[in-house]
């Protein structure tokens, strides 16, 4: 029995789809980080004020 080989692939190699990530994603990440930091600061201020 002769060895079988997979059929050849004619065409461009496969690639991942474009997701649209760019400046908008970077801006959203920055805004998200800023909101998390602001929330942590407010939480700490509230905890400190409640101990007085």
N, C-alpha and C. Protein backbone atom coordinates (compact mmCIF):
# COMPACT_ATOMS: atom_id res chain seq x y z
N UNK A 1 0.85 -1.17 0.00
CA UNK A 1 0.00 0.00 0.00
C UNK A 1 0.90 1.24 0.00
N UNK A 2 0.74 2.13 -0.98
CA UNK A 2 1.60 3.32 -1.04
C UNK A 2 1.20 4.32 0.05
N UNK A 3 2.17 5.10 0.53
CA UNK A 3 1.84 6.11 1.55
C UNK A 3 0.91 7.17 0.97
N UNK A 4 -0.02 7.61 1.82
CA UNK A 4 -0.95 8.64 1.37
C UNK A 4 -0.45 9.99 1.84
N UNK A 5 -0.59 10.96 1.00
CA UNK A 5 -0.21 12.32 1.36
C UNK A 5 -1.46 13.19 1.30
N UNK A 6 -1.54 14.20 2.17
CA UNK A 6 -2.71 15.07 2.13
C UNK A 6 -2.73 15.87 0.83
N UNK A 7 -3.90 16.23 0.39
CA UNK A 7 -3.97 17.02 -0.84
C UNK A 7 -3.29 18.37 -0.65
N UNK A 8 -2.72 18.89 -1.71
CA UNK A 8 -2.03 20.18 -1.66
C UNK A 8 -3.00 21.32 -1.37
N UNK A 9 -2.45 22.35 -0.82
CA UNK A 9 -3.26 23.53 -0.50
C UNK A 9 -2.88 24.63 -1.46
N UNK A 10 -3.80 25.02 -2.28
CA UNK A 10 -3.55 26.09 -3.24
C UNK A 10 -4.28 27.34 -2.77
N UNK A 11 -3.54 28.41 -2.59
CA UNK A 11 -4.16 29.65 -2.17
C UNK A 11 -3.35 30.30 -1.06
N UNK A 12 -3.83 31.42 -0.58
CA UNK A 12 -3.09 32.13 0.48
C UNK A 12 -3.15 31.36 1.80
N UNK A 13 -2.15 31.56 2.65
CA UNK A 13 -2.17 30.88 3.94
C UNK A 13 -3.29 31.43 4.82
N UNK A 14 -3.77 30.65 5.76
CA UNK A 14 -4.84 31.14 6.64
C UNK A 14 -4.35 32.27 7.52
N UNK A 15 -5.25 33.17 7.87
CA UNK A 15 -4.89 34.29 8.74
C UNK A 15 -6.06 34.57 9.68
N UNK A 16 -5.76 35.26 10.76
CA UNK A 16 -6.80 35.62 11.72
C UNK A 16 -7.62 36.79 11.19
N UNK A 17 -8.89 36.86 11.55
CA UNK A 17 -9.72 37.97 11.08
C UNK A 17 -9.34 39.28 11.77
N UNK A 18 -9.59 40.38 11.11
CA UNK A 18 -9.34 41.70 11.67
C UNK A 18 -10.44 42.00 12.68
N UNK A 19 -10.07 42.31 13.92
CA UNK A 19 -11.07 42.54 14.97
C UNK A 19 -11.38 44.01 15.17
N UNK A 20 -10.67 44.88 14.51
CA UNK A 20 -10.95 46.29 14.65
C UNK A 20 -10.27 46.92 15.86
N UNK A 21 -9.38 46.19 16.51
CA UNK A 21 -8.66 46.74 17.65
C UNK A 21 -7.66 47.79 17.19
N UNK A 22 -7.56 48.84 17.91
CA UNK A 22 -6.65 49.92 17.54
C UNK A 22 -6.69 50.99 18.60
N UNK A 23 -6.79 52.22 18.13
CA UNK A 23 -6.81 53.35 19.06
C UNK A 23 -8.02 53.31 19.99
N UNK A 24 -9.15 52.89 19.46
CA UNK A 24 -10.36 52.86 20.29
C UNK A 24 -10.21 51.86 21.43
N UNK A 25 -9.60 50.72 21.15
CA UNK A 25 -9.39 49.72 22.19
C UNK A 25 -8.41 50.23 23.23
N UNK A 26 -7.36 50.90 22.77
CA UNK A 26 -6.38 51.46 23.69
C UNK A 26 -7.01 52.54 24.57
N UNK A 27 -7.84 53.38 23.98
CA UNK A 27 -8.51 54.43 24.75
C UNK A 27 -9.47 53.83 25.77
N UNK A 28 -10.20 52.81 25.37
CA UNK A 28 -11.13 52.16 26.29
C UNK A 28 -10.39 51.49 27.44
N UNK A 29 -9.24 50.90 27.16
CA UNK A 29 -8.44 50.28 28.21
C UNK A 29 -7.93 51.32 29.20
N UNK A 30 -7.49 52.44 28.69
CA UNK A 30 -7.02 53.52 29.56
C UNK A 30 -8.12 54.08 30.43
N UNK A 31 -9.30 54.28 29.83
CA UNK A 31 -10.43 54.80 30.60
C UNK A 31 -10.86 53.79 31.67
N UNK A 32 -10.83 52.53 31.34
CA UNK A 32 -11.19 51.49 32.30
C UNK A 32 -10.22 51.48 33.47
N UNK A 33 -8.94 51.57 33.18
CA UNK A 33 -7.93 51.59 34.25
C UNK A 33 -8.11 52.82 35.14
N UNK A 34 -8.41 53.97 34.53
CA UNK A 34 -8.62 55.19 35.31
C UNK A 34 -9.83 55.06 36.23
N UNK A 35 -10.89 54.45 35.74
CA UNK A 35 -12.08 54.27 36.58
C UNK A 35 -11.82 53.30 37.73
N UNK A 36 -11.05 52.27 37.49
CA UNK A 36 -10.72 51.33 38.56
C UNK A 36 -9.87 52.01 39.63
N UNK A 37 -8.88 52.79 39.21
CA UNK A 37 -8.03 53.50 40.17
C UNK A 37 -8.85 54.51 40.97
N UNK A 38 -9.74 55.24 40.29
CA UNK A 38 -10.58 56.22 40.99
C UNK A 38 -11.49 55.52 42.00
N UNK A 39 -12.03 54.38 41.64
CA UNK A 39 -12.88 53.64 42.56
C UNK A 39 -12.10 53.15 43.77
N UNK A 40 -10.86 52.72 43.56
CA UNK A 40 -10.03 52.27 44.69
C UNK A 40 -9.73 53.44 45.63
N UNK A 41 -9.46 54.61 45.07
CA UNK A 41 -9.18 55.79 45.91
C UNK A 41 -10.41 56.16 46.72
N UNK A 42 -11.58 56.18 46.09
CA UNK A 42 -12.80 56.51 46.82
C UNK A 42 -13.10 55.48 47.91
N UNK A 43 -12.85 54.22 47.62
CA UNK A 43 -13.07 53.17 48.61
C UNK A 43 -12.16 53.37 49.81
N UNK A 44 -10.89 53.65 49.56
CA UNK A 44 -9.95 53.87 50.67
C UNK A 44 -10.31 55.11 51.48
N UNK A 45 -10.74 56.16 50.81
CA UNK A 45 -11.15 57.38 51.54
C UNK A 45 -12.36 57.09 52.42
N UNK A 46 -13.30 56.34 51.90
CA UNK A 46 -14.48 55.99 52.68
C UNK A 46 -14.15 55.13 53.87
N UNK A 47 -13.24 54.19 53.71
CA UNK A 47 -12.82 53.34 54.83
C UNK A 47 -12.09 54.16 55.90
N UNK A 48 -11.24 55.09 55.45
CA UNK A 48 -10.50 55.92 56.41
C UNK A 48 -11.46 56.85 57.17
N UNK A 49 -12.46 57.39 56.48
CA UNK A 49 -13.40 58.31 57.12
C UNK A 49 -14.30 57.56 58.10
N UNK A 50 -14.59 56.31 57.87
CA UNK A 50 -15.48 55.57 58.75
C UNK A 50 -14.77 55.17 60.05
N UNK A 51 -13.46 55.18 60.06
CA UNK A 51 -12.71 54.82 61.28
C UNK A 51 -12.61 55.99 62.27
N UNK A 52 -12.89 57.18 61.81
CA UNK A 52 -12.77 58.35 62.69
C UNK A 52 -13.91 58.48 63.64
